Amino acid sequence: MQDIRIMQQGGMNEVEKEYLDFEDDNPLLSKVIERNIRTIIRLRLQAAKKRSLQDQIADAITSFSGHIVFVYVHIVWFGAWIALNTGKIGVHPFDPFPYGLLTMIVSLEAIFLSTFVLISQNRLSEESEYRANLNLQIALLTEHEVTRVLQMLDAIQDKMGIDNDEDSELADLEMETKPEDVLTEIERLQQLALNRKKLKKRNQR
């Protein structure tokens, strides 16, 4: 808990501390998992705190438009608008059928609403790309560490005079995996599968 609280002293507000400063850890989880959970929450809170005013407005509008309350508001709005413009409730129609003013307002609303949604999606895409890059770096580091551990175990095995199983995949696993080689192989196999599919279609004609 001490290292977690040290991380919290970087200008974090009371809301962030409320999420992170727990008196008791979950006894069913290890301290490493508890620390990782708090780190993830802290990073998310920091990302939300860095949003500009425009991003906050866009997120608020997008969030509201994604709830059923948004539908109810429009049902009441459209119903009242149509009722007022029937001329049957003692109000002079200001937008008679086919409700051109209402159509224009709804069209403008759709334009702005779609723009706000795109703004929120672009920001979320940037955050997702950032997390994907982080996951990639961690995965590459993990792969490198595991490879080194296997190489060390193989050296210890040789030094102790233990024979390797001929069918063992240890030699393959000890090879350093380069991301560019993996991507090249994926593209090659995908292109090969695509060419076979095209050739199969030609033979069927």
C-alpha atoms as a PDB file:
ATOM      1  CA  MET A   1       0.000   0.000   0.000  1.00  0.00           C
ATOM      2  CA  GLN A   2       2.891   2.375   0.645  1.00  0.00           C
ATOM      3  CA  ASP A   3       4.061   2.482  -2.974  1.00  0.00           C
ATOM      4  CA  ILE A   4       0.469   2.993  -4.138  1.00  0.00           C
ATOM      5  CA  ARG A   5       0.009   5.988  -1.870  1.00  0.00           C
ATOM      6  CA  ILE A   6       3.293   7.430  -3.056  1.00  0.00           C
ATOM      7  CA  MET A   7       1.957   7.306  -6.629  1.00  0.00           C
ATOM      8  CA  GLN A   8      -1.124   9.167  -5.508  1.00  0.00           C
ATOM      9  CA  GLN A   9       0.880  12.192  -4.344  1.00  0.00           C
ATOM     10  CA  GLY A  10       1.369  13.536  -7.865  1.00  0.00           C
ATOM     11  CA  GLY A  11      -1.220  16.286  -7.684  1.00  0.00           C
ATOM     12  CA  MET A  12      -4.202  13.940  -7.577  1.00  0.00           C
ATOM     13  CA  ASN A  13      -7.508  15.362  -6.441  1.00  0.00           C
ATOM     14  CA  GLU A  14      -9.895  13.987  -3.837  1.00  0.00           C
ATOM     15  CA  VAL A  15     -12.008  12.165  -6.429  1.00  0.00           C
ATOM     16  CA  GLU A  16      -9.025  10.197  -7.685  1.00  0.00           C
ATOM     17  CA  LYS A  17      -7.924   9.368  -4.136  1.00  0.00           C
ATOM     18  CA  GLU A  18     -11.428   8.153  -3.363  1.00  0.00           C
ATOM     19  CA  TYR A  19     -11.047   5.512  -6.053  1.00  0.00           C
ATOM     20  CA  LEU A  20      -7.535   4.506  -5.105  1.00  0.00           C
ATOM     21  CA  ASP A  21      -7.082   4.950  -1.361  1.00  0.00           C
ATOM     22  CA  PHE A  22      -8.634   1.814   0.145  1.00  0.00           C
ATOM     23  CA  GLU A  23      -7.845   0.880   3.710  1.00  0.00           C
ATOM     24  CA  ASP A  24      -8.069  -2.872   3.157  1.00  0.00           C
ATOM     25  CA  ASP A  25      -6.944  -4.916   0.192  1.00  0.00           C
ATOM     26  CA  ASN A  26      -8.973  -7.814  -1.093  1.00  0.00           C
ATOM     27  CA  PRO A  27      -7.514 -10.871   0.659  1.00  0.00           C
ATOM     28  CA  LEU A  28      -8.391 -13.017  -2.357  1.00  0.00           C
ATOM     29  CA  LEU A  29      -6.071 -11.001  -4.623  1.00  0.00           C
ATOM     30  CA  SER A  30      -2.317 -10.677  -4.502  1.00  0.00           C
ATOM     31  CA  LYS A  31      -0.619  -7.352  -3.843  1.00  0.00           C
ATOM     32  CA  VAL A  32       0.635  -7.285  -7.432  1.00  0.00           C
ATOM     33  CA  ILE A  33      -2.900  -7.521  -8.815  1.00  0.00           C
ATOM     34  CA  GLU A  34      -4.111  -4.878  -6.355  1.00  0.00           C
ATOM     35  CA  ARG A  35      -1.307  -2.562  -7.453  1.00  0.00           C
ATOM     36  CA  ASN A  36      -2.049  -3.163 -11.138  1.00  0.00           C
ATOM     37  CA  ILE A  37      -5.755  -2.450 -10.637  1.00  0.00           C
ATOM     38  CA  ARG A  38      -4.971   0.825  -8.905  1.00  0.00           C
ATOM     39  CA  THR A  39      -2.479   1.763 -11.605  1.00  0.00           C
ATOM     40  CA  ILE A  40      -5.048   1.172 -14.352  1.00  0.00           C
ATOM     41  CA  ILE A  41      -7.656   3.226 -12.515  1.00  0.00           C
ATOM     42  CA  ARG A  42      -5.135   6.005 -11.928  1.00  0.00           C
ATOM     43  CA  LEU A  43      -4.192   6.125 -15.616  1.00  0.00           C
ATOM     44  CA  ARG A  44      -7.837   6.248 -16.666  1.00  0.00           C
ATOM     45  CA  LEU A  45      -8.568   9.062 -14.234  1.00  0.00           C
ATOM     46  CA  GLN A  46      -5.555  10.984 -15.480  1.00  0.00           C
ATOM     47  CA  ALA A  47      -6.666  10.531 -19.107  1.00  0.00           C
ATOM     48  CA  ALA A  48     -10.156  11.776 -18.232  1.00  0.00           C
ATOM     49  CA  LYS A  49      -8.647  14.737 -16.373  1.00  0.00           C
ATOM     50  CA  LYS A  50      -6.601  15.755 -19.422  1.00  0.00           C
ATOM     51  CA  ARG A  51      -9.677  16.102 -21.628  1.00  0.00           C
ATOM     52  CA  SER A  52     -10.277  19.577 -23.008  1.00  0.00           C
ATOM     53  CA  LEU A  53     -13.527  21.450 -22.437  1.00  0.00           C
ATOM     54  CA  GLN A  54     -14.647  20.596 -25.971  1.00  0.00           C
ATOM     55  CA  ASP A  55     -13.979  16.895 -25.378  1.00  0.00           C
ATOM     56  CA  GLN A  56     -15.900  16.981 -22.108  1.00  0.00           C
ATOM     57  CA  ILE A  57     -18.888  18.622 -23.793  1.00  0.00           C
ATOM     58  CA  ALA A  58     -18.774  16.123 -26.658  1.00  0.00           C
ATOM     59  CA  ASP A  59     -18.559  13.186 -24.244  1.00  0.00           C
ATOM     60  CA  ALA A  60     -21.447  14.517 -22.149  1.00  0.00           C
ATOM     61  CA  ILE A  61     -23.694  14.971 -25.200  1.00  0.00           C
ATOM     62  CA  THR A  62     -22.712  11.586 -26.612  1.00  0.00           C
ATOM     63  CA  SER A  63     -23.360   9.912 -23.271  1.00  0.00           C
ATOM     64  CA  PHE A  64     -26.778  11.527 -22.925  1.00  0.00           C
ATOM     65  CA  SER A  65     -27.800  10.687 -26.499  1.00  0.00           C
ATOM     66  CA  GLY A  66     -26.948   7.042 -25.843  1.00  0.00           C
ATOM     67  CA  HIS A  67     -29.528   6.669 -23.062  1.00  0.00           C
ATOM     68  CA  ILE A  68     -33.216   5.834 -23.320  1.00  0.00           C
ATOM     69  CA  VAL A  69     -34.004   9.209 -21.689  1.00  0.00           C
ATOM     70  CA  PHE A  70     -32.900  10.827 -24.946  1.00  0.00           C
ATOM     71  CA  VAL A  71     -35.590   8.848 -26.768  1.00  0.00           C
ATOM     72  CA  TYR A  72     -38.251   9.765 -24.213  1.00  0.00           C
ATOM     73  CA  VAL A  73     -37.384  13.465 -24.500  1.00  0.00           C
ATOM     74  CA  HIS A  74     -37.838  13.336 -28.271  1.00  0.00           C
ATOM     75  CA  ILE A  75     -41.099  11.426 -28.005  1.00  0.00           C
ATOM     76  CA  VAL A  76     -42.509  14.116 -25.699  1.00  0.00           C
ATOM     77  CA  TRP A  77     -41.047  16.883 -27.829  1.00  0.00           C
ATOM     78  CA  PHE A  78     -42.406  15.564 -31.139  1.00  0.00           C
ATOM     79  CA  GLY A  79     -45.758  14.688 -29.618  1.00  0.00           C
ATOM     80  CA  ALA A  80     -46.192  18.151 -28.095  1.00  0.00           C
ATOM     81  CA  TRP A  81     -45.019  19.838 -31.299  1.00  0.00           C
ATOM     82  CA  ILE A  82     -47.498  17.934 -33.443  1.00  0.00           C
ATOM     83  CA  ALA A  83     -50.298  18.453 -30.936  1.00  0.00           C
ATOM     84  CA  LEU A  84     -49.704  22.207 -30.786  1.00  0.00           C
ATOM     85  CA  ASN A  85     -49.731  22.469 -34.558  1.00  0.00           C
ATOM     86  CA  THR A  86     -53.020  20.635 -35.094  1.00  0.00           C
ATOM     87  CA  GLY A  87     -54.954  23.750 -34.115  1.00  0.00           C
ATOM     88  CA  LYS A  88     -57.325  21.687 -31.979  1.00  0.00           C
ATOM     89  CA  ILE A  89     -56.102  22.756 -28.542  1.00  0.00           C
ATOM     90  CA  GLY A  90     -56.628  26.494 -28.862  1.00  0.00           C
ATOM     91  CA  VAL A  91     -53.124  27.332 -30.127  1.00  0.00           C
ATOM     92  CA  HIS A  92     -52.573  28.849 -33.562  1.00  0.00           C
ATOM     93  CA  PRO A  93     -50.350  26.473 -35.579  1.00  0.00           C
ATOM     94  CA  PHE A  94     -46.863  27.955 -35.976  1.00  0.00           C
ATOM     95  CA  ASP A  95     -45.503  24.978 -37.942  1.00  0.00           C
ATOM     96  CA  PRO A  96     -48.368  23.251 -39.743  1.00  0.00           C
ATOM     97  CA  PHE A  97     -48.087  19.915 -41.508  1.00  0.00           C
ATOM     98  CA  PRO A  98     -45.648  18.766 -42.956  1.00  0.00           C
ATOM     99  CA  TYR A  99     -43.773  20.469 -40.113  1.00  0.00           C
ATOM    100  CA  GLY A 100     -40.973  22.092 -42.101  1.00  0.00           C
ATOM    101  CA  LEU A 101     -39.523  23.928 -39.098  1.00  0.00           C
ATOM    102  CA  LEU A 102     -39.408  20.740 -37.039  1.00  0.00           C
ATOM    103  CA  THR A 103     -37.738  18.917 -39.913  1.00  0.00           C
ATOM    104  CA  MET A 104     -35.054  21.594 -40.183  1.00  0.00           C
ATOM    105  CA  ILE A 105     -34.400  21.567 -36.417  1.00  0.00           C
ATOM    106  CA  VAL A 106     -34.140  17.767 -36.332  1.00  0.00           C
ATOM    107  CA  SER A 107     -31.780  17.801 -39.322  1.00  0.00           C
ATOM    108  CA  LEU A 108     -29.499  20.326 -37.622  1.00  0.00           C
ATOM    109  CA  GLU A 109     -29.635  18.293 -34.438  1.00  0.00           C
ATOM    110  CA  ALA A 110     -28.607  15.170 -36.332  1.00  0.00           C
ATOM    111  CA  ILE A 111     -25.647  16.994 -37.905  1.00  0.00           C
ATOM    112  CA  PHE A 112     -24.334  18.316 -34.591  1.00  0.00           C
ATOM    113  CA  LEU A 113     -25.048  15.071 -32.758  1.00  0.00           C
ATOM    114  CA  SER A 114     -23.152  12.998 -35.318  1.00  0.00           C
ATOM    115  CA  THR A 115     -20.244  15.433 -35.067  1.00  0.00           C
ATOM    116  CA  PHE A 116     -20.127  15.117 -31.283  1.00  0.00           C
ATOM    117  CA  VAL A 117     -20.204  11.329 -31.586  1.00  0.00           C
ATOM    118  CA  LEU A 118     -17.302  11.397 -34.043  1.00  0.00           C
ATOM    119  CA  ILE A 119     -15.301  13.661 -31.726  1.00  0.00           C
ATOM    120  CA  SER A 120     -15.794  11.222 -28.846  1.00  0.00           C
ATOM    121  CA  GLN A 121     -14.970   8.248 -31.047  1.00  0.00           C
ATOM    122  CA  ASN A 122     -11.768   9.896 -32.294  1.00  0.00           C
ATOM    123  CA  ARG A 123     -10.635  10.535 -28.736  1.00  0.00           C
ATOM    124  CA  LEU A 124     -11.472   6.967 -27.695  1.00  0.00           C
ATOM    125  CA  SER A 125      -9.617   5.671 -30.758  1.00  0.00           C
ATOM    126  CA  GLU A 126      -6.521   7.606 -29.723  1.00  0.00           C
ATOM    127  CA  GLU A 127      -6.719   6.155 -26.217  1.00  0.00           C
ATOM    128  CA  SER A 128      -7.236   2.654 -27.628  1.00  0.00           C
ATOM    129  CA  GLU A 129      -4.220   3.069 -29.900  1.00  0.00           C
ATOM    130  CA  TYR A 130      -2.156   4.234 -26.926  1.00  0.00           C
ATOM    131  CA  ARG A 131      -3.210   1.179 -24.900  1.00  0.00           C
ATOM    132  CA  ALA A 132      -2.551  -1.101 -27.885  1.00  0.00           C
ATOM    133  CA  ASN A 133       0.982   0.288 -28.208  1.00  0.00           C
ATOM    134  CA  LEU A 134       1.508  -0.226 -24.493  1.00  0.00           C
ATOM    135  CA  ASN A 135       0.244  -3.816 -24.698  1.00  0.00           C
ATOM    136  CA  LEU A 136       2.510  -4.457 -27.679  1.00  0.00           C
ATOM    137  CA  GLN A 137       5.566  -3.176 -25.841  1.00  0.00           C
ATOM    138  CA  ILE A 138       4.750  -5.281 -22.793  1.00  0.00           C
ATOM    139  CA  ALA A 139       4.139  -8.354 -24.969  1.00  0.00           C
ATOM    140  CA  LEU A 140       7.463  -7.882 -26.767  1.00  0.00           C
ATOM    141  CA  LEU A 141       9.269  -7.419 -23.458  1.00  0.00           C
ATOM    142  CA  THR A 142       7.605 -10.535 -22.052  1.00  0.00           C
ATOM    143  CA  GLU A 143       8.558 -12.559 -25.114  1.00  0.00           C
ATOM    144  CA  HIS A 144      12.164 -11.401 -24.843  1.00  0.00           C
ATOM    145  CA  GLU A 145      12.300 -12.242 -21.131  1.00  0.00           C
ATOM    146  CA  VAL A 146      10.785 -15.702 -21.651  1.00  0.00           C
ATOM    147  CA  THR A 147      13.265 -16.409 -24.449  1.00  0.00           C
ATOM    148  CA  ARG A 148      16.160 -15.419 -22.220  1.00  0.00           C
ATOM    149  CA  VAL A 149      14.832 -17.623 -19.402  1.00  0.00           C
ATOM    150  CA  LEU A 150      14.598 -20.599 -21.783  1.00  0.00           C
ATOM    151  CA  GLN A 151      18.132 -20.000 -22.994  1.00  0.00           C
ATOM    152  CA  MET A 152      19.374 -19.862 -19.398  1.00  0.00           C
ATOM    153  CA  LEU A 153      17.508 -23.074 -18.527  1.00  0.00           C
ATOM    154  CA  ASP A 154      19.001 -24.768 -21.591  1.00  0.00           C
ATOM    155  CA  ALA A 155      22.506 -23.683 -20.532  1.00  0.00           C
ATOM    156  CA  ILE A 156      21.910 -24.989 -17.001  1.00  0.00           C
ATOM    157  CA  GLN A 157      20.622 -28.259 -18.450  1.00  0.00           C
ATOM    158  CA  ASP A 158      23.732 -28.647 -20.595  1.00  0.00           C
ATOM    159  CA  LYS A 159      26.012 -27.840 -17.673  1.00  0.00           C
ATOM    160  CA  MET A 160      24.301 -30.449 -15.518  1.00  0.00           C
ATOM    161  CA  GLY A 161      24.652 -33.042 -18.272  1.00  0.00           C
ATOM    162  CA  ILE A 162      20.938 -33.502 -18.845  1.00  0.00           C
ATOM    163  CA  ASP A 163      20.163 -34.631 -22.390  1.00  0.00           C
ATOM    164  CA  ASN A 164      17.552 -32.735 -24.349  1.00  0.00           C
ATOM    165  CA  ASP A 165      14.567 -34.565 -25.736  1.00  0.00           C
ATOM    166  CA  GLU A 166      14.945 -34.882 -29.499  1.00  0.00           C
ATOM    167  CA  ASP A 167      11.279 -34.048 -30.000  1.00  0.00           C
ATOM    168  CA  SER A 168      11.458 -31.021 -27.706  1.00  0.00           C
ATOM    169  CA  GLU A 169      10.467 -27.612 -29.118  1.00  0.00           C
ATOM    170  CA  LEU A 170      12.950 -25.883 -26.846  1.00  0.00           C
ATOM    171  CA  ALA A 171      15.252 -24.929 -29.707  1.00  0.00           C
ATOM    172  CA  ASP A 172      12.408 -23.249 -31.577  1.00  0.00           C
ATOM    173  CA  LEU A 173      11.219 -21.469 -28.466  1.00  0.00           C
ATOM    174  CA  GLU A 174      14.714 -20.165 -27.767  1.00  0.00           C
ATOM    175  CA  MET A 175      14.769 -18.320 -31.075  1.00  0.00           C
ATOM    176  CA  GLU A 176      14.314 -14.556 -30.803  1.00  0.00           C
ATOM    177  CA  THR A 177      10.969 -13.528 -32.292  1.00  0.00           C
ATOM    178  CA  LYS A 178      11.063 -10.330 -34.342  1.00  0.00           C
ATOM    179  CA  PRO A 179       7.719  -8.524 -34.884  1.00  0.00           C
ATOM    180  CA  GLU A 180       8.575  -7.607 -38.473  1.00  0.00           C
ATOM    181  CA  ASP A 181       9.247 -11.261 -39.317  1.00  0.00           C
ATOM    182  CA  VAL A 182       5.912 -12.318 -37.819  1.00  0.00           C
ATOM    183  CA  LEU A 183       4.017  -9.625 -39.742  1.00  0.00           C
ATOM    184  CA  THR A 184       5.777 -10.577 -42.984  1.00  0.00           C
ATOM    185  CA  GLU A 185       4.854 -14.224 -42.512  1.00  0.00           C
ATOM    186  CA  ILE A 186       1.233 -13.352 -41.744  1.00  0.00           C
ATOM    187  CA  GLU A 187       0.998 -11.255 -44.898  1.00  0.00           C
ATOM    188  CA  ARG A 188       2.636 -14.003 -46.947  1.00  0.00           C
ATOM    189  CA  LEU A 189       0.232 -16.689 -45.715  1.00  0.00           C
ATOM    190  CA  GLN A 190      -2.776 -14.406 -46.170  1.00  0.00           C
ATOM    191  CA  GLN A 191      -1.729 -13.635 -49.736  1.00  0.00           C
ATOM    192  CA  LEU A 192      -1.125 -17.335 -50.382  1.00  0.00           C
ATOM    193  CA  ALA A 193      -4.580 -18.220 -49.075  1.00  0.00           C
ATOM    194  CA  LEU A 194      -6.126 -15.463 -51.201  1.00  0.00           C
ATOM    195  CA  ASN A 195      -4.347 -16.698 -54.331  1.00  0.00           C
ATOM    196  CA  ARG A 196      -5.515 -20.264 -53.676  1.00  0.00           C
ATOM    197  CA  LYS A 197      -9.079 -19.036 -53.246  1.00  0.00           C
ATOM    198  CA  LYS A 198      -8.928 -17.152 -56.557  1.00  0.00           C
ATOM    199  CA  LEU A 199      -7.430 -20.177 -58.291  1.00  0.00           C
ATOM    200  CA  LYS A 200     -10.167 -22.417 -56.882  1.00  0.00           C
ATOM    201  CA  LYS A 201     -12.863 -20.075 -58.211  1.00  0.00           C
ATOM    202  CA  ARG A 202     -11.264 -20.095 -61.655  1.00  0.00           C
ATOM    203  CA  ASN A 203     -11.157 -23.888 -61.749  1.00  0.00           C
ATOM    204  CA  GLN A 204     -14.837 -24.066 -60.785  1.00  0.00           C
ATOM    205  CA  ARG A 205     -15.921 -21.955 -63.785  1.00  0.00           C
END
